[in-house]
C-alpha cells in the first residue's frame, strides 16, 4: 500500500493528505465542493426540489457512503440525473413551478429504488463478487467509463459557449497550475481555475449577484441562516409513483459499477474486492433512501469528483469527507450557496472540459492496463455496441428508450441501454475467458 508519499516527484499520488496540513486539506475539500456544486444543485432546479435540502443530503449521503465502505473510497455522492425522467412523469413542473403536491410521492418512489440497491447488495454478498464481476469485465466497464465522460462532454461545451473568453481563462488556469505549478498550486488547479476566472468575471461585469441579494434581503433567519428541511417535502408513497420510478434503479446500479470501477482505476485500487461491491451498493442505496425520505433527490457517485481525483492525484477519502461536511454547512446558509451558484456557467464549462475528458481517459487506461485484446471480434463488437448505444441513444431526440410496464412508462437512458447491451453481449458471445482477480 502507498502512504505518506513525500518524494521529489510532484506527480506521485498522495494517499494520506494529512502530510499536507489541515489548511491545505480544507482547500482540497473545498475544491471537491466546487466540482460537485453545479450539477448537484441543477437537479433540484429541474425538479422543483429544495436546493438546501439537496446540499444537506449530498453531504450526509456522502458521509453515509464512506461509513458503509469503511472510509476507503474517495467518492462524493451528489444528485442523480438518472431519475429526472421519473420525477418529470410523477411530479411535472406546473407553469415552471414545483409540483408540491406530487413531489413527495416521487421521493417515495426513489426510497423504494434505494431499497432495491439493498436487495442487490445482499445478493452480491451471498453469491460473491467474482460471480457478479464476470458480467462486468474490462471490455464492458472500460467503454462504459469512456461513455460517461463523452456523454458529459456536450454540457461542458454548452456552458463554455455562454462566454468562451471566461471559459478559456478557467481552462488555461487549470492547465498552467497542473503542469507548471509546484506544491499546493499543483494539486488544487480546479479551485484556482474557478477563483481566477471568477475574479475576471466580476471585473468584467459577468457575475449576477441578484440571487445573493434576494437571499440577504430576507434577513438573518430564512435568508442568511435557514433550516434546510421542510416536513411538507418528506416522502409519501403511492403505488403508481413507485412503479414509475423504482425500476430505474436497475439501470443506475449498472452505472454504479462503472463509477466504482472508474474511481478504482483512478486511484489504482480494487474497490470491488475491498471493501466490496456489496458495500458500495449498500452505501449508495442507504444514502438514496435517507435523502429521498427527507425530500432530497437520489444520490449517486459523481464523475466530476473522479475527474478532480485524476487531476490533483490526491486520493485520500478524508479530503472528500471534508467536502461533504462543507456541503452540509452550506445547506444552512442560503446566501453563501447563492454566492457559489453565481459562478458563471462558462467557468464551470471551462473546468468541466478537462474533468470530463479525464473520465474518458480513465476508461481508456482501464482497457489498456487490463490488456483487452481487440484483435478478437467479440471484444470489438462489445465495445462498439456500448459506445454507439451510449452516445447514440443519449443524444437522440427521445434521449433513450421508453416502454410501458403495467400501464407505466419506463425510460432507459443511453448509458443504461449501453450497459445492458454490453453485459448481455458479453454473456452470450463465445470466448468469454475473463476471470475476476480478487487480488488485482
Protein backbone atom coordinates (compact mmCIF):
# COMPACT_ATOMS: atom_id res chain seq x y z
CA UNK A 1 0.00 0.00 0.00
CA UNK A 2 1.10 3.57 -0.66
CA UNK A 3 1.05 6.05 2.20
CA UNK A 4 2.83 9.25 3.21
CA UNK A 5 4.47 9.86 -0.13
CA UNK A 6 6.90 12.77 0.17
CA UNK A 7 9.21 12.22 -2.74
CA UNK A 8 10.60 14.89 -5.01
CA UNK A 9 8.24 13.63 -7.69
CA UNK A 10 5.36 16.10 -7.57
CA UNK A 11 3.33 13.74 -9.78
CA UNK A 12 3.42 10.99 -7.15
CA UNK A 13 -0.08 10.22 -5.85
CA UNK A 14 -0.91 11.22 -2.27
CA UNK A 15 -2.93 8.66 -0.33
CA UNK A 16 -2.63 10.36 3.05
CA UNK A 17 -3.32 14.10 2.82
CA UNK A 18 -2.52 14.72 6.49
CA UNK A 19 1.07 15.30 5.45
CA UNK A 20 -0.12 18.47 3.71
CA UNK A 21 -1.53 20.03 6.86
CA UNK A 22 -5.07 20.92 7.95
CA UNK A 23 -5.32 24.15 5.95
CA UNK A 24 -4.32 22.54 2.68
CA UNK A 25 -6.63 19.58 3.29
CA UNK A 26 -9.51 22.02 3.72
CA UNK A 27 -8.68 23.71 0.42
CA UNK A 28 -8.62 20.32 -1.29
CA UNK A 29 -12.02 19.52 0.19
CA UNK A 30 -13.37 22.88 -0.94
CA UNK A 31 -12.13 22.07 -4.45
CA UNK A 32 -14.31 18.94 -4.44
CA UNK A 33 -17.25 21.02 -3.21
CA UNK A 34 -16.88 23.40 -6.15
CA UNK A 35 -16.63 20.47 -8.56
CA UNK A 36 -19.90 18.87 -7.46
CA UNK A 37 -21.89 22.03 -6.74
CA UNK A 38 -23.16 22.97 -10.21
CA UNK A 39 -24.51 19.54 -11.13
CA UNK A 40 -25.85 18.85 -7.64
CA UNK A 41 -28.00 22.00 -7.48
CA UNK A 42 -29.12 21.59 -11.09
CA UNK A 43 -31.26 18.56 -10.22
CA UNK A 44 -33.46 20.41 -7.70
CA UNK A 45 -33.72 23.33 -10.12
CA UNK A 46 -35.05 20.94 -12.80
CA UNK A 47 -37.38 19.04 -10.50
CA UNK A 48 -38.58 21.64 -8.01
CA UNK A 49 -36.91 20.03 -5.01
CA UNK A 50 -35.24 22.21 -2.38
CA UNK A 51 -31.65 23.27 -3.16
CA UNK A 52 -30.79 23.48 0.55
CA UNK A 53 -32.21 20.02 1.25
CA UNK A 54 -30.30 18.67 -1.74
CA UNK A 55 -26.98 20.04 -0.45
CA UNK A 56 -27.67 18.68 3.03
CA UNK A 57 -28.48 15.22 1.70
CA UNK A 58 -25.49 15.20 -0.67
CA UNK A 59 -23.18 15.86 2.25
CA UNK A 60 -24.86 13.42 4.63
CA UNK A 61 -25.23 10.83 1.86
CA UNK A 62 -21.51 11.03 1.14
CA UNK A 63 -20.70 10.52 4.82
CA UNK A 64 -23.10 7.54 4.96
CA UNK A 65 -21.42 6.04 1.90
CA UNK A 66 -17.97 6.46 3.46
CA UNK A 67 -19.16 4.85 6.68
CA UNK A 68 -20.64 1.86 4.84
CA UNK A 69 -17.48 1.42 2.72
CA UNK A 70 -15.09 1.64 5.70
CA UNK A 71 -13.91 5.09 4.65
CA UNK A 72 -11.80 3.63 1.83
CA UNK A 73 -13.33 5.10 -1.34
CA UNK A 74 -12.75 8.79 -2.25
CA UNK A 75 -16.24 9.18 -3.72
CA UNK A 76 -18.65 12.10 -3.45
CA UNK A 77 -22.37 11.40 -3.76
CA UNK A 78 -24.36 14.15 -5.45
CA UNK A 79 -27.78 14.41 -7.09
CA UNK A 80 -28.54 11.68 -9.63
CA UNK A 81 -29.71 12.76 -13.08
CA UNK A 82 -30.89 9.23 -13.88
CA UNK A 83 -34.20 9.79 -12.04
CA UNK A 84 -35.12 13.06 -13.79
CA UNK A 85 -37.49 11.22 -16.14
CA UNK A 86 -39.22 9.63 -13.16
CA UNK A 87 -39.67 12.99 -11.44
CA UNK A 88 -41.00 14.51 -14.68
CA UNK A 89 -43.54 11.70 -15.02
CA UNK A 90 -44.76 11.74 -11.40
CA UNK A 91 -44.37 15.41 -10.48
CA UNK A 92 -44.06 17.58 -13.62
CA UNK A 93 -43.45 21.28 -13.07
CA UNK A 94 -46.61 23.39 -13.19
CA UNK A 95 -46.01 26.59 -15.18
CA UNK A 96 -42.36 26.29 -14.27
CA UNK A 97 -43.13 25.97 -10.56
CA UNK A 98 -42.60 22.94 -8.28
CA UNK A 99 -45.42 20.42 -8.15
CA UNK A 100 -45.59 20.50 -4.36
CA UNK A 101 -48.49 18.05 -4.25
CA UNK A 102 -46.77 15.24 -6.18
CA UNK A 103 -43.08 15.74 -5.35
CA UNK A 104 -43.32 13.82 -2.05
CA UNK A 105 -44.74 10.82 -3.94
CA UNK A 106 -41.85 10.98 -6.41
CA UNK A 107 -39.50 10.93 -3.42
CA UNK A 108 -41.35 7.86 -2.16
CA UNK A 109 -40.60 6.11 -5.43
CA UNK A 110 -36.91 6.95 -5.00
CA UNK A 111 -36.98 5.46 -1.49
CA UNK A 112 -38.14 2.14 -2.95
CA UNK A 113 -35.45 2.41 -5.64
CA UNK A 114 -32.91 2.69 -2.85
CA UNK A 115 -34.35 -0.43 -1.23
CA UNK A 116 -33.65 -2.32 -4.48
CA UNK A 117 -29.97 -1.40 -4.04
CA UNK A 118 -30.04 -3.10 -0.64
CA UNK A 119 -31.60 -6.26 -2.10
CA UNK A 120 -28.98 -6.48 -4.85
CA UNK A 121 -26.21 -5.76 -2.31
CA UNK A 122 -27.42 -8.78 -0.30
CA UNK A 123 -27.42 -10.90 -3.45
CA UNK A 124 -23.85 -9.87 -4.28
CA UNK A 125 -22.77 -10.69 -0.73
CA UNK A 126 -24.46 -14.11 -0.97
CA UNK A 127 -23.06 -15.26 -4.34
CA UNK A 128 -19.71 -13.45 -4.18
CA UNK A 129 -18.22 -10.60 -6.20
CA UNK A 130 -16.35 -12.96 -8.53
CA UNK A 131 -19.60 -14.34 -9.99
CA UNK A 132 -21.09 -10.90 -10.36
CA UNK A 133 -17.97 -9.31 -11.85
CA UNK A 134 -17.81 -11.99 -14.53
CA UNK A 135 -20.59 -9.94 -16.12
CA UNK A 136 -18.51 -6.75 -15.82
CA UNK A 137 -15.09 -7.46 -17.37
CA UNK A 138 -12.84 -4.58 -18.54
CA UNK A 139 -14.18 -4.93 -22.09
CA UNK A 140 -17.54 -3.85 -20.66
CA UNK A 141 -16.58 -1.45 -17.85
CA UNK A 142 -13.85 0.31 -19.88
CA UNK A 143 -16.14 1.50 -22.69
CA UNK A 144 -18.83 2.37 -20.13
CA UNK A 145 -16.37 4.62 -18.29
CA UNK A 146 -15.34 6.18 -21.60
CA UNK A 147 -19.01 6.77 -22.38
CA UNK A 148 -19.62 8.52 -19.04
CA UNK A 149 -17.08 11.21 -19.93
CA UNK A 150 -18.24 11.55 -23.53
CA UNK A 151 -21.90 11.88 -22.53
CA UNK A 152 -21.00 14.69 -20.14
CA UNK A 153 -18.80 16.44 -22.72
CA UNK A 154 -21.54 18.36 -24.60
CA UNK A 155 -22.71 20.01 -21.37
CA UNK A 156 -19.17 21.34 -20.87
CA UNK A 157 -19.15 22.82 -24.39
CA UNK A 158 -22.65 24.26 -23.95
CA UNK A 159 -21.52 26.03 -20.81
CA UNK A 160 -18.35 27.27 -22.50
CA UNK A 161 -20.39 28.73 -25.35
CA UNK A 162 -22.09 31.16 -22.97
CA UNK A 163 -18.78 33.03 -22.67
CA UNK A 164 -15.73 31.47 -24.33
CA UNK A 165 -13.19 34.03 -23.01
CA UNK A 166 -14.15 33.22 -19.41
CA UNK A 167 -14.15 29.50 -20.16
CA UNK A 168 -10.66 29.73 -21.65
CA UNK A 169 -9.36 31.67 -18.63
CA UNK A 170 -10.62 28.84 -16.39
CA UNK A 171 -9.27 26.16 -18.73
CA UNK A 172 -5.77 27.60 -19.11
CA UNK A 173 -5.51 28.42 -15.40
CA UNK A 174 -6.18 24.76 -14.62
CA UNK A 175 -3.64 23.61 -17.22
CA UNK A 176 -0.92 26.05 -16.13
CA UNK A 177 -1.36 25.25 -12.43
CA UNK A 178 -1.36 21.50 -13.01
CA UNK A 179 1.55 21.35 -15.44
CA UNK A 180 3.86 24.09 -14.17
CA UNK A 181 2.60 24.61 -10.64
CA UNK A 182 4.53 23.44 -7.61
CA UNK A 183 3.38 22.21 -4.22
CA UNK A 184 -0.18 23.12 -3.32
CA UNK A 185 -0.77 25.04 -6.56
CA UNK A 186 -0.33 21.82 -8.50
CA UNK A 187 -2.94 19.88 -6.54
CA UNK A 188 -5.73 22.48 -6.37
CA UNK A 189 -5.85 23.52 -10.06
CA UNK A 190 -9.65 23.23 -10.24
CA UNK A 191 -10.21 25.58 -7.33
CA UNK A 192 -7.65 28.07 -8.66
CA UNK A 193 -9.19 27.88 -12.14
CA UNK A 194 -12.58 28.78 -10.70
CA UNK A 195 -11.26 31.55 -8.44
CA UNK A 196 -9.06 33.25 -11.07
CA UNK A 197 -11.77 33.19 -13.73
CA UNK A 198 -14.40 34.32 -11.18
CA UNK A 199 -12.31 37.40 -10.36
CA UNK A 200 -12.08 38.12 -14.09
CA UNK A 201 -15.85 37.65 -14.37
CA UNK A 202 -16.50 40.10 -11.52
CA UNK A 203 -14.15 42.72 -13.02
CA UNK A 204 -15.78 42.39 -16.46
CA UNK A 205 -19.31 42.54 -15.06
CA UNK A 206 -20.26 38.95 -15.90
CA UNK A 207 -21.48 37.91 -12.43
CA UNK A 208 -25.13 38.16 -11.43
CA UNK A 209 -25.40 38.84 -7.70
CA UNK A 210 -29.20 39.20 -7.73
CA UNK A 211 -29.73 35.77 -6.15
CA UNK A 212 -27.34 36.63 -3.32
CA UNK A 213 -29.01 39.99 -2.76
CA UNK A 214 -32.51 38.50 -2.78
CA UNK A 215 -31.45 35.97 -0.16
CA UNK A 216 -29.80 38.62 2.04
CA UNK A 217 -32.94 40.76 1.80
CA UNK A 218 -34.85 38.03 3.64
CA UNK A 219 -32.90 38.84 6.79
CA UNK A 220 -30.84 36.80 9.20
CA UNK A 221 -33.36 34.00 9.75
CA UNK A 222 -34.55 32.47 6.49
CA UNK A 223 -32.04 34.33 4.36
CA UNK A 224 -28.57 34.14 5.84
CA UNK A 225 -29.37 31.15 8.07
CA UNK A 226 -32.18 28.66 7.45
CA UNK A 227 -33.15 25.09 8.36
CA UNK A 228 -32.74 23.07 5.12
CA UNK A 229 -35.65 20.70 5.82
CA UNK A 230 -39.42 21.04 5.50
CA UNK A 231 -41.89 18.36 6.58
CA UNK A 232 -44.07 19.20 3.58
CA UNK A 233 -41.37 17.71 1.32
CA UNK A 234 -40.96 14.42 3.20
CA UNK A 235 -41.59 11.25 1.17
CA UNK A 236 -45.07 9.85 0.66
CA UNK A 237 -45.92 6.58 -1.03
CA UNK A 238 -48.13 5.74 -3.99
CA UNK A 239 -48.02 2.51 -5.98
CA UNK A 240 -48.13 4.29 -9.34
CA UNK A 241 -45.19 6.55 -8.44
CA UNK A 242 -43.26 3.55 -7.13
CA UNK A 243 -43.82 1.56 -10.34
CA UNK A 244 -42.70 4.57 -12.38
CA UNK A 245 -39.51 5.40 -10.50
CA UNK A 246 -38.24 2.30 -8.66
CA UNK A 247 -37.32 0.27 -11.81
CA UNK A 248 -34.84 2.99 -12.76
CA UNK A 249 -32.60 1.60 -10.02
CA UNK A 250 -31.83 -1.43 -12.20
CA UNK A 251 -30.17 0.89 -14.70
CA UNK A 252 -28.44 3.12 -12.16
CA UNK A 253 -26.92 0.09 -10.42
CA UNK A 254 -25.14 -0.80 -13.64
CA UNK A 255 -23.89 2.77 -13.85
CA UNK A 256 -22.80 2.41 -10.21
CA UNK A 257 -20.48 -0.47 -11.15
CA UNK A 258 -18.98 1.70 -13.88
CA UNK A 259 -18.47 4.63 -11.48
CA UNK A 260 -16.85 2.47 -8.80
CA UNK A 261 -14.62 0.93 -11.47
CA UNK A 262 -13.68 4.42 -12.67
CA UNK A 263 -12.74 5.57 -9.17
CA UNK A 264 -10.78 2.35 -8.59
CA UNK A 265 -8.93 2.75 -11.88
CA UNK A 266 -8.11 6.36 -10.96
CA UNK A 267 -6.63 5.63 -7.54
CA UNK A 268 -5.21 2.24 -8.57
CA UNK A 269 -7.15 0.21 -6.00
CA UNK A 270 -9.63 -2.64 -6.35
CA UNK A 271 -12.74 -1.43 -4.54
CA UNK A 272 -14.81 -4.32 -5.92
CA UNK A 273 -12.64 -6.59 -3.76
CA UNK A 274 -12.19 -4.30 -0.75
CA UNK A 275 -14.42 -3.01 0.73
CA UNK A 276 -16.54 -4.96 -1.74
CA UNK A 277 -19.26 -4.29 -4.32
CA UNK A 278 -21.94 -5.22 -1.79
CA UNK A 279 -20.75 -2.42 0.50
CA UNK A 280 -20.65 0.21 -2.27
CA UNK A 281 -24.19 -0.74 -3.35
CA UNK A 282 -25.31 -0.70 0.28
CA UNK A 283 -23.78 2.74 0.84
CA UNK A 284 -25.32 4.18 -2.33
CA UNK A 285 -28.70 2.64 -1.54
CA UNK A 286 -28.88 3.81 2.08
CA UNK A 287 -27.76 7.32 1.08
CA UNK A 288 -30.50 7.44 -1.55
CA UNK A 289 -33.17 6.17 0.86
CA UNK A 290 -32.14 8.70 3.50
CA UNK A 291 -32.11 11.60 1.03
CA UNK A 292 -35.48 10.78 -0.52
CA UNK A 293 -37.19 10.24 2.85
CA UNK A 294 -36.45 13.87 3.74
CA UNK A 295 -37.32 15.36 0.36
CA UNK A 296 -33.98 15.20 -1.46
CA UNK A 297 -33.09 13.64 -4.83
CA UNK A 298 -31.46 10.24 -5.30
CA UNK A 299 -27.72 10.17 -4.65
CA UNK A 300 -25.02 8.79 -6.91
CA UNK A 301 -21.23 8.80 -7.18
CA UNK A 302 -20.05 11.86 -9.11
CA UNK A 303 -17.87 11.80 -12.20
CA UNK A 304 -16.87 15.44 -11.64
CA UNK A 305 -15.13 14.48 -8.42
CA UNK A 306 -13.48 11.49 -10.07
CA UNK A 307 -12.01 13.97 -12.54
CA UNK A 308 -10.68 16.06 -9.64
CA UNK A 309 -9.00 12.95 -8.22
CA UNK A 310 -7.33 12.24 -11.55
CA UNK A 311 -6.09 15.80 -11.93
CA UNK A 312 -4.97 16.53 -8.37
CA UNK A 313 -3.64 13.00 -7.66
CA UNK A 314 -4.70 13.37 -4.03
CA UNK A 315 -6.60 10.17 -3.33
CA UNK A 316 -7.27 10.48 0.40
CA UNK A 317 -11.00 9.84 1.13
CA UNK A 318 -10.72 12.22 4.10
CA UNK A 319 -10.50 15.12 1.64
CA UNK A 320 -13.85 14.11 0.11
CA UNK A 321 -15.37 13.86 3.58
CA UNK A 322 -14.30 17.46 4.18
CA UNK A 323 -16.21 18.40 1.02
CA UNK A 324 -19.24 16.55 2.41
CA UNK A 325 -19.09 18.50 5.68
CA UNK A 326 -18.79 21.77 3.73
CA UNK A 327 -21.91 20.83 1.72
CA UNK A 328 -23.82 20.18 4.97
CA UNK A 329 -22.73 23.55 6.37
CA UNK A 330 -23.64 25.36 3.13
CA UNK A 331 -27.14 23.91 3.29
CA UNK A 332 -27.79 26.06 6.39
CA UNK A 333 -26.54 29.25 4.65
CA UNK A 334 -28.67 30.02 1.57
CA UNK A 335 -26.80 33.28 0.93
CA UNK A 336 -23.44 31.55 0.62
CA UNK A 337 -24.97 28.84 -1.54
CA UNK A 338 -26.30 31.58 -3.83
CA UNK A 339 -22.81 33.11 -3.97
CA UNK A 340 -21.38 29.82 -5.19
CA UNK A 341 -24.26 29.50 -7.66
CA UNK A 342 -23.34 32.94 -9.02
CA UNK A 343 -20.25 31.42 -10.65
CA UNK A 344 -20.93 31.88 -14.39
CA UNK A 345 -21.73 28.68 -16.29
CA UNK A 346 -18.87 29.43 -18.70
CA UNK A 347 -16.39 28.97 -15.85
CA UNK A 348 -17.95 25.64 -14.93
CA UNK A 349 -17.73 24.70 -18.60
CA UNK A 350 -14.04 25.53 -18.86
CA UNK A 351 -13.23 23.45 -15.80
CA UNK A 352 -15.54 20.60 -16.84
CA UNK A 353 -13.90 20.42 -20.26
CA UNK A 354 -10.87 18.89 -18.57
CA UNK A 355 -12.69 16.93 -15.87
CA UNK A 356 -14.99 15.10 -18.26
CA UNK A 357 -12.11 14.31 -20.60
CA UNK A 358 -10.24 12.85 -17.64
CA UNK A 359 -13.09 10.39 -17.03
CA UNK A 360 -12.95 9.08 -20.60
CA UNK A 361 -9.16 8.89 -20.41
CA UNK A 362 -9.51 6.74 -17.27
CA UNK A 363 -11.73 4.37 -19.26
CA UNK A 364 -9.07 4.10 -21.96
CA UNK A 365 -6.46 3.37 -19.31
CA UNK A 366 -8.73 0.71 -17.81
CA UNK A 367 -8.87 -1.10 -21.15
CA UNK A 368 -5.12 -0.76 -21.78
CA UNK A 369 -3.97 -1.85 -18.32
CA UNK A 370 -6.16 -4.96 -18.41
CA UNK A 371 -4.79 -5.77 -21.86
CA UNK A 372 -8.17 -6.20 -23.54
CA UNK A 373 -7.48 -8.00 -26.80
CA UNK A 374 -9.19 -6.07 -29.60
CA UNK A 375 -7.92 -8.49 -32.20
CA UNK A 376 -10.86 -10.64 -31.03
CA UNK A 377 -14.06 -9.82 -32.86
CA UNK A 378 -16.22 -10.38 -29.77
CA UNK A 379 -14.36 -7.67 -27.86
CA UNK A 380 -14.59 -5.22 -30.76
CA UNK A 381 -18.32 -5.88 -31.09
CA UNK A 382 -19.00 -5.40 -27.36
CA UNK A 383 -17.04 -2.14 -27.17
CA UNK A 384 -18.57 -0.84 -30.40
CA UNK A 385 -22.13 -1.54 -29.31
CA UNK A 386 -21.58 0.05 -25.88
CA UNK A 387 -20.10 3.24 -27.31
CA UNK A 388 -22.70 3.67 -30.06
CA UNK A 389 -25.65 2.89 -27.78
CA UNK A 390 -24.41 5.18 -25.02
CA UNK A 391 -23.85 8.16 -27.31
CA UNK A 392 -26.48 7.43 -29.96
CA UNK A 393 -29.44 6.92 -27.65
CA UNK A 394 -28.35 9.63 -25.20
CA UNK A 395 -28.25 12.27 -27.92
CA UNK A 396 -31.27 11.01 -29.86
CA UNK A 397 -34.49 13.01 -29.87
CA UNK A 398 -36.04 10.68 -27.27
CA UNK A 399 -32.91 10.58 -25.10
CA UNK A 400 -33.24 6.82 -24.63
CA UNK A 401 -35.87 4.10 -24.98
CA UNK A 402 -39.33 4.34 -23.42
CA UNK A 403 -41.73 1.45 -22.94
CA UNK A 404 -44.82 0.61 -20.93
CA UNK A 405 -44.89 -1.77 -17.96
CA UNK A 406 -48.26 -2.36 -16.29
CA UNK A 407 -49.52 0.90 -17.75
CA UNK A 408 -46.49 2.86 -16.55
CA UNK A 409 -43.92 4.42 -18.88
CA UNK A 410 -40.31 3.46 -18.17
CA UNK A 411 -37.41 5.29 -19.82
CA UNK A 412 -33.89 3.89 -20.03
CA UNK A 413 -31.04 6.36 -20.59
CA UNK A 414 -28.41 5.84 -23.26
CA UNK A 415 -25.89 4.77 -20.64
CA UNK A 416 -28.33 2.26 -19.15
CA UNK A 417 -29.04 0.81 -22.61
CA UNK A 418 -25.31 0.62 -23.34
CA UNK A 419 -24.63 -1.11 -20.03
CA UNK A 420 -27.39 -3.66 -20.61
CA UNK A 421 -26.23 -4.31 -24.17
CA UNK A 422 -22.60 -4.78 -23.14
CA UNK A 423 -23.50 -7.11 -20.28
CA UNK A 424 -25.80 -9.25 -22.46
CA UNK A 425 -23.34 -9.46 -25.36
CA UNK A 426 -20.50 -10.39 -23.02
CA UNK A 427 -22.70 -13.14 -21.52
CA UNK A 428 -23.90 -14.71 -24.79
CA UNK A 429 -20.98 -14.28 -27.20
CA UNK A 430 -18.50 -17.18 -27.16
CA UNK A 431 -14.94 -16.66 -25.95
CA UNK A 432 -15.56 -15.05 -22.56
CA UNK A 433 -12.34 -16.02 -20.81
CA UNK A 434 -12.34 -13.22 -18.22
CA UNK A 435 -11.56 -14.26 -14.67
CA UNK A 436 -12.07 -11.72 -11.92
CA UNK A 437 -8.84 -11.41 -9.96
CA UNK A 438 -9.67 -10.62 -6.34
CA UNK A 439 -6.06 -9.65 -5.69
CA UNK A 440 -5.76 -7.28 -8.64
